[in-house]
Every structure is written in structure tokens, then in C-alpha cells.
Amino acid sequence: MPLVTTKDMFERSMKEHFAIGAFNVNNMELIQGIVDAAAEENSPVILQASSSAIKYARIGYLKKMVEAALDEYDIPIALHLDHGPDFETCKMCIDNGFSSVMIDGSKYDFEENIELTKKVVEYAHSKGVVVEAELGKLAGIEDDVNVSNQDAMYTDPEQAKEFVERTGCDSLAIAIGTSHGAYKFKGEAKLRFDILQKVKEKIPNTPIVLHGASTVIPELVEMCNEYGGNIPGAKGVPDEMLHEASISGVSKINVDTDLRLAMTGAIRKVFAEDPSAFDPRKYLTPARDLVKKTVQHKIRDVFGSSNRA
């Protein structure tokens, strides 16, 4: 099956009130674990790479590994650029066969964000590629994204309507209280579902995206720490809140940190239990298996996208 855009995925998600997982990738084991899980759950899936992941893995390698997944499974798979920092990066990904790109102009003021997003939309649409944009700023640190709590801000529903109308973007990432990285909340987790509802009222036909939405699964954090890690006090968005988001109008939920924790925890466990291990297959196989288990949980129990392929 060839790569698809997110258009049909999102239309169905909005009609049937479920979300599609967008999982960050940068190596073969992550890609295999994610698509194995999606295929087993018969779920559409979005594989996404940040600009730093592309720099690490190289765009040609990433594309070929995704093509191998397409050859193996008959499920809808989109290849998406996550947090594209500029027009040039978006153009590079479009020209290299990505089916979806995100232009992140949230660091600019409203008019500059519109101008940059519109430029990307015009080029992407001429090539049959869809565009995600962002309005509002999420706190936290992840890859090339670094926003302080003081600089974070919620999305304004009125601005969201104007932004979509003026840019023509295909989906919109909004800020309702999630944040990037493993340390999302100092106190109790809270998402502004009232803002989500108002945004959906203003732009009912625009798919909504939630960034910074890893659960930071406690069992995975404990596993990392038990086998020599040092990740104290990490806290993410509870599964219950993400499930509520998925049935309340969010079409795409991004997951990165949970996959990093799964892979790191599994590798640490092998090294701790067998210090003589040096064959990468011995530690990367359980890492891939735990990534698969983690993705299956998200698809089946949180996002509700099982049997929607």
C-alpha cells in the first residue's frame, strides 16, 4: 500500500470520535515496533520524524525503512514531518516523498506565523501534500523545541478560526495544557477541555492535533530507574485525559517520550541482567517488543483507533 495523506484518516476520526496516534521515529526498531502494533490492531498510523531525527537517521534511510513497512502491511500509513522549523525543511521533506508536513511557526507573532504557514501550504498543496500548523505555544523541551513555562500560552479560539481561514492549513495543533518532554506537570495534570470545545465550535471541519501528549507511563519510568536510570519526578498526561481528548474532537495525538522510555528501559534491563551482552540484536529485540506493546496500548485502550484501518 502506498503512503497516504492524513486527509481520509482525519475525516473518519472526526465522524467516529477517535484519535490517530502519531509516533516519532528515528531508527528501524521504532518503525518496526510501531507498524507491527498498528497492523495487529488494524489501525491507521502516522510515522513522524523531527528535523533532528532526520539529521540523525538521514532522510533517505528513513524513507526506505518506511517503504519496507508499506511493503509488509496493508494499513494506512502517513509519513509526517514533526515540528518543521522553516520552509526549507518542509520543502525538503515534501520533495523526498513525505505525505504530510508540519510547519511550526508558533514562535513567531500571529501575522508572521500566518505568512510562513501560507507559504508552506501553497507549495505542499501543489505537490499533493497536507500541512499541519500550530497556534499557541507548548512548554517543555524535546528535540528542537524549547519553550519555557513563562513563554507558553493557550490557543485563542477566535485566532484559530482566522488562522485556518487565512492559511488554508489542513490541521491545527493547539495548546490546551500539554507540554513536550518527560516533565509535563509539577502538580496535578490538567488540560483545558473548555478551550478545545471552543476551538472545535469555531473550526468544526478542521482536524485538531495534540502535541506533547505522552503519558510518561509510570511503569516505564520505574523500569528505567530500576536498571540504572535517573529520571526522577517525570509526569505526563494521564491516559484518561488523552482518551477524553480523543472522543472530544482531537484527531491526532503525538507520542514520543513514551517510546523513548520503552526502548531505553528494555535496553537497560538487558545490560543490567547480563553485563556480558554486546550483540545489538540481544538488546534491541526486547526494546522493539516493548515499543510494540506500548503502541498497542495507546491504539487500543487510549486513542480508540483499533479496527479503523
Protein backbone atom coordinates (compact mmCIF):
# COMPACT_ATOMS: atom_id res chain seq x y z
CA MET A 1 0.00 0.00 0.00
CA PRO A 2 1.43 3.44 -0.89
CA LEU A 3 1.84 6.24 1.62
CA VAL A 4 -1.35 8.15 2.27
CA THR A 5 -2.03 11.68 3.48
CA THR A 6 -3.90 12.20 6.73
CA LYS A 7 -6.98 13.57 4.96
CA ASP A 8 -9.13 10.42 4.97
CA MET A 9 -7.82 9.35 8.39
CA PHE A 10 -8.86 12.63 9.95
CA GLU A 11 -12.25 12.79 8.23
CA ARG A 12 -13.14 9.41 9.70
CA SER A 13 -11.72 10.30 13.12
CA MET A 14 -13.92 13.40 13.30
CA LYS A 15 -17.03 11.47 12.29
CA GLU A 16 -16.42 8.49 14.58
CA HIS A 17 -14.76 10.28 17.53
CA PHE A 18 -11.39 8.61 17.86
CA ALA A 19 -7.80 9.79 17.52
CA ILE A 20 -4.90 8.54 15.42
CA GLY A 21 -1.53 8.04 17.03
CA ALA A 22 1.41 9.92 15.54
CA PHE A 23 4.57 8.18 16.73
CA ASN A 24 8.04 9.65 16.38
CA VAL A 25 10.65 7.53 14.64
CA ASN A 26 14.40 7.71 14.08
CA ASN A 27 15.54 4.08 13.66
CA MET A 28 14.47 0.71 12.31
CA GLU A 29 13.37 -0.80 15.63
CA LEU A 30 11.00 2.06 16.38
CA ILE A 31 9.44 1.85 12.92
CA GLN A 32 9.04 -1.91 13.16
CA GLY A 33 7.58 -1.82 16.66
CA ILE A 34 5.06 0.86 15.70
CA VAL A 35 3.85 -0.65 12.43
CA ASP A 36 3.76 -4.18 13.88
CA ALA A 37 1.44 -2.86 16.59
CA ALA A 38 -0.72 -0.87 14.16
CA ALA A 39 -1.05 -3.85 11.82
CA GLU A 40 -2.02 -6.18 14.65
CA GLU A 41 -4.64 -3.67 15.82
CA ASN A 42 -5.76 -2.95 12.23
CA SER A 43 -5.26 0.76 12.85
CA PRO A 44 -4.19 3.67 10.66
CA VAL A 45 -0.94 5.17 11.88
CA ILE A 46 1.23 8.24 11.40
CA LEU A 47 5.02 7.86 11.46
CA GLN A 48 6.64 11.21 12.11
CA ALA A 49 10.19 12.47 12.17
CA SER A 50 11.51 15.74 13.55
CA SER A 51 14.25 17.66 11.78
CA SER A 52 16.76 16.39 14.36
CA ALA A 53 15.60 12.80 13.76
CA ILE A 54 16.13 13.35 10.03
CA LYS A 55 19.59 14.74 10.72
CA TYR A 56 20.39 11.66 12.82
CA ALA A 57 18.94 8.92 10.61
CA ARG A 58 19.23 10.69 7.22
CA ILE A 59 16.13 11.27 5.16
CA GLY A 60 16.83 8.57 2.55
CA TYR A 61 17.23 5.87 5.18
CA LEU A 62 14.04 6.90 6.96
CA LYS A 63 12.05 6.90 3.72
CA LYS A 64 13.33 3.46 2.67
CA MET A 65 12.55 1.93 6.08
CA VAL A 66 9.02 3.32 5.89
CA GLU A 67 8.71 1.93 2.36
CA ALA A 68 9.64 -1.51 3.76
CA ALA A 69 6.76 -1.17 6.22
CA LEU A 70 4.42 -0.29 3.35
CA ASP A 71 5.51 -3.43 1.51
CA GLU A 72 4.87 -5.57 4.59
CA TYR A 73 1.47 -4.31 5.71
CA ASP A 74 -1.79 -3.19 4.11
CA ILE A 75 -2.79 -0.44 6.55
CA PRO A 76 -2.95 3.33 6.01
CA ILE A 77 0.43 4.86 6.89
CA ALA A 78 1.29 8.55 6.63
CA LEU A 79 4.85 9.87 6.81
CA HIS A 80 4.89 13.24 8.55
CA LEU A 81 7.45 15.93 9.34
CA ASP A 82 7.08 16.89 13.01
CA HIS A 83 7.84 20.49 14.01
CA GLY A 84 9.27 21.68 10.72
CA PRO A 85 11.23 24.79 11.73
CA ASP A 86 11.22 26.58 8.36
CA PHE A 87 10.05 26.48 4.75
CA GLU A 88 13.27 24.85 3.53
CA THR A 89 12.91 21.83 5.84
CA CYS A 90 9.27 21.37 4.82
CA LYS A 91 10.20 21.61 1.13
CA MET A 92 12.98 19.04 1.60
CA CYS A 93 10.56 16.55 3.13
CA ILE A 94 7.88 17.19 0.51
CA ASP A 95 10.43 16.71 -2.27
CA ASN A 96 11.60 13.46 -0.63
CA GLY A 97 8.16 11.88 -0.57
CA PHE A 98 6.68 12.75 2.83
CA SER A 99 2.89 12.76 2.61
CA SER A 100 2.38 15.33 5.38
CA VAL A 101 4.43 18.15 6.92
CA MET A 102 4.10 20.38 9.93
CA ILE A 103 5.29 23.95 9.82
CA ASP A 104 5.78 25.21 13.35
CA GLY A 105 5.51 28.99 13.26
CA SER A 106 4.26 29.22 16.85
CA LYS A 107 7.45 31.00 17.91
CA TYR A 108 6.55 33.94 15.66
CA ASP A 109 3.84 36.52 16.14
CA PHE A 110 0.41 35.88 14.64
CA GLU A 111 0.96 37.60 11.28
CA GLU A 112 4.41 36.06 10.75
CA ASN A 113 3.03 32.61 11.59
CA ILE A 114 0.27 33.11 9.02
CA GLU A 115 2.72 34.28 6.34
CA LEU A 116 5.09 31.32 6.85
CA THR A 117 2.30 28.75 7.10
CA LYS A 118 0.61 30.03 3.94
CA LYS A 119 3.88 29.75 2.02
CA VAL A 120 4.30 26.11 3.07
CA VAL A 121 0.63 25.33 2.34
CA GLU A 122 0.89 26.70 -1.20
CA TYR A 123 3.95 24.59 -2.01
CA ALA A 124 2.71 21.45 -0.25
CA HIS A 125 -0.74 21.52 -1.85
CA SER A 126 0.83 21.90 -5.30
CA LYS A 127 2.54 18.54 -4.62
CA GLY A 128 -0.49 16.79 -3.09
CA VAL A 129 0.89 17.00 0.47
CA VAL A 130 -1.11 18.11 3.52
CA VAL A 131 0.02 20.64 6.13
CA GLU A 132 -0.30 20.81 9.90
CA ALA A 133 0.29 24.16 11.57
CA GLU A 134 0.48 25.29 15.20
CA LEU A 135 -1.14 28.14 17.08
CA GLY A 136 -0.27 28.70 20.74
CA LYS A 137 2.96 27.67 22.47
CA LEU A 138 3.53 24.42 24.39
CA ALA A 139 6.01 24.47 27.24
CA GLY A 140 8.78 21.88 27.56
CA ILE A 141 11.87 20.58 25.82
CA GLU A 142 12.01 17.92 23.10
CA ASP A 143 14.41 17.74 20.15
CA ASP A 144 14.46 21.23 18.60
CA VAL A 145 11.56 22.55 20.69
CA ASN A 146 12.45 24.51 23.82
CA VAL A 147 9.77 26.75 25.36
CA SER A 148 9.80 27.99 28.96
CA ASN A 149 6.68 27.87 31.13
CA GLN A 150 6.66 31.66 31.13
CA ASP A 151 6.50 31.76 27.33
CA ALA A 152 3.82 29.07 26.96
CA MET A 153 0.32 30.22 26.03
CA TYR A 154 -3.07 28.70 25.28
CA THR A 155 -4.60 28.84 21.82
CA ASP A 156 -7.19 31.57 21.29
CA PRO A 157 -10.30 30.08 19.58
CA GLU A 158 -11.07 33.27 17.63
CA GLN A 159 -7.50 33.43 16.35
CA ALA A 160 -7.69 29.73 15.41
CA LYS A 161 -10.62 30.44 13.10
CA GLU A 162 -8.89 33.37 11.42
CA PHE A 163 -5.61 31.44 11.17
CA VAL A 164 -7.16 28.45 9.39
CA GLU A 165 -9.18 30.65 7.03
CA ARG A 166 -6.17 32.74 6.04
CA THR A 167 -3.57 29.97 5.73
CA GLY A 168 -5.60 27.06 4.34
CA CYS A 169 -3.76 24.61 6.61
CA ASP A 170 -5.25 21.11 6.75
CA SER A 171 -4.95 20.51 10.52
CA LEU A 172 -4.09 22.62 13.53
CA ALA A 173 -2.04 21.84 16.63
CA ILE A 174 -3.40 23.73 19.62
CA ALA A 175 -2.15 24.44 23.13
CA ILE A 176 -4.53 23.35 25.90
CA GLY A 177 -2.05 22.44 28.62
CA THR A 178 0.16 19.63 27.31
CA SER A 179 3.93 20.11 27.10
CA HIS A 180 6.94 18.49 25.49
CA GLY A 181 9.32 16.09 27.19
CA ALA A 182 9.09 13.84 30.26
CA TYR A 183 8.32 16.55 32.82
CA LYS A 184 4.95 17.91 31.74
CA PHE A 185 3.38 18.78 35.09
CA LYS A 186 4.72 19.77 38.50
CA GLY A 187 1.33 19.40 40.23
CA GLU A 188 -1.84 17.71 39.08
CA ALA A 189 -2.25 17.23 35.35
CA LYS A 190 -4.85 19.49 33.80
CA LEU A 191 -5.99 20.03 30.23
CA ARG A 192 -8.25 22.90 29.14
CA PHE A 193 -11.06 20.95 27.52
CA ASP A 194 -13.12 24.15 27.55
CA ILE A 195 -10.65 25.68 25.08
CA LEU A 196 -10.75 22.54 22.94
CA GLN A 197 -14.54 22.75 22.80
CA LYS A 198 -14.48 26.41 21.79
CA VAL A 199 -11.87 25.77 19.10
CA LYS A 200 -13.98 22.94 17.68
CA GLU A 201 -17.01 25.22 17.62
CA LYS A 202 -15.08 27.82 15.63
CA ILE A 203 -13.42 25.38 13.19
CA PRO A 204 -15.61 22.23 13.25
CA ASN A 205 -14.20 20.83 10.00
CA THR A 206 -10.51 21.27 10.84
CA PRO A 207 -8.73 18.29 12.44
CA ILE A 208 -7.18 19.18 15.80
CA VAL A 209 -3.74 17.94 16.89
CA LEU A 210 -2.40 17.47 20.42
CA HIS A 211 1.38 17.75 20.84
CA GLY A 212 3.32 16.87 23.98
CA ALA A 213 0.85 14.10 24.76
CA SER A 214 2.90 11.19 26.07
CA THR A 215 1.57 9.62 29.26
CA VAL A 216 5.13 9.21 30.57
CA ILE A 217 3.96 5.73 31.59
CA PRO A 218 4.97 5.23 35.26
CA GLU A 219 5.91 1.59 34.75
CA LEU A 220 8.36 2.57 32.02
CA VAL A 221 9.89 5.31 34.16
CA GLU A 222 10.25 2.82 37.03
CA MET A 223 11.86 0.31 34.70
CA CYS A 224 14.44 2.85 33.52
CA ASN A 225 15.22 3.88 37.09
CA GLU A 226 15.33 0.32 38.42
CA TYR A 227 18.04 -0.60 35.96
CA GLY A 228 20.32 2.38 36.49
CA GLY A 229 18.45 5.31 35.05
CA ASN A 230 17.95 8.70 36.67
CA ILE A 231 14.55 10.09 35.69
CA PRO A 232 13.02 11.36 38.95
CA GLY A 233 9.64 13.07 39.09
CA ALA A 234 8.70 12.59 35.43
CA LYS A 235 4.98 13.09 34.86
CA GLY A 236 2.87 13.11 31.70
CA VAL A 237 -0.74 13.33 30.54
CA PRO A 238 -2.87 10.54 32.10
CA ASP A 239 -4.43 8.02 29.73
CA GLU A 240 -7.90 9.04 30.89
CA MET A 241 -7.35 12.63 29.76
CA LEU A 242 -5.96 11.53 26.40
CA HIS A 243 -8.94 9.24 25.89
CA GLU A 244 -11.29 12.12 26.68
CA ALA A 245 -9.42 14.26 24.15
CA SER A 246 -9.76 11.53 21.52
CA ILE A 247 -13.56 11.46 21.86
CA SER A 248 -13.86 15.24 22.23
CA GLY A 249 -12.53 16.33 18.86
CA VAL A 250 -8.80 15.66 18.77
CA SER A 251 -7.87 13.73 15.62
CA LYS A 252 -4.10 13.31 16.06
CA ILE A 253 -2.18 12.67 19.27
CA ASN A 254 1.63 12.81 19.25
CA VAL A 255 3.72 10.27 21.16
CA ASP A 256 7.49 10.39 21.50
CA THR A 257 8.63 10.31 25.14
CA ASP A 258 6.80 7.05 25.93
CA LEU A 259 8.60 5.29 23.07
CA ARG A 260 11.97 6.60 24.26
CA LEU A 261 11.22 5.31 27.76
CA ALA A 262 10.14 1.90 26.45
CA MET A 263 13.24 1.46 24.32
CA THR A 264 15.64 2.73 27.00
CA GLY A 265 14.05 0.69 29.80
CA ALA A 266 14.21 -2.54 27.83
CA ILE A 267 17.85 -1.96 26.83
CA ARG A 268 18.87 -1.07 30.39
CA LYS A 269 17.23 -4.23 31.68
CA VAL A 270 19.25 -6.44 29.32
CA PHE A 271 22.53 -4.76 30.25
CA ALA A 272 21.78 -4.92 33.98
CA GLU A 273 20.81 -8.59 33.89
CA ASP A 274 23.56 -9.64 31.50
CA PRO A 275 26.65 -7.37 31.62
CA SER A 276 28.32 -9.65 29.08
CA ALA A 277 25.75 -8.78 26.38
CA PHE A 278 27.23 -6.98 23.40
CA ASP A 279 25.17 -8.27 20.45
CA PRO A 280 22.84 -5.39 19.45
CA ARG A 281 20.18 -7.92 18.45
CA LYS A 282 20.05 -9.17 22.02
CA TYR A 283 19.09 -5.78 23.47
CA LEU A 284 17.30 -4.20 20.52
CA THR A 285 14.83 -7.10 20.12
CA PRO A 286 13.26 -6.66 23.59
CA ALA A 287 13.36 -2.89 23.02
CA ARG A 288 11.37 -3.29 19.81
CA ASP A 289 8.94 -5.64 21.55
CA LEU A 290 8.28 -3.16 24.35
CA VAL A 291 7.75 -0.34 21.83
CA LYS A 292 5.17 -2.55 20.11
CA LYS A 293 3.40 -3.29 23.40
CA THR A 294 3.36 0.42 24.28
CA VAL A 295 1.93 1.44 20.90
CA GLN A 296 -0.73 -1.28 21.06
CA HIS A 297 -1.86 0.05 24.42
CA LYS A 298 -2.15 3.56 23.01
CA ILE A 299 -4.08 2.45 19.93
CA ARG A 300 -6.44 0.03 21.66
CA ASP A 301 -7.01 1.50 25.12
CA VAL A 302 -6.44 5.24 24.74
CA PHE A 303 -6.97 6.52 21.19
CA GLY A 304 -9.66 4.06 20.08
CA SER A 305 -8.27 3.55 16.57
CA SER A 306 -8.27 -0.27 16.58
CA ASN A 307 -10.10 -1.77 13.59
CA ARG A 308 -10.38 1.60 11.84
CA ALA A 309 -7.92 0.88 9.03
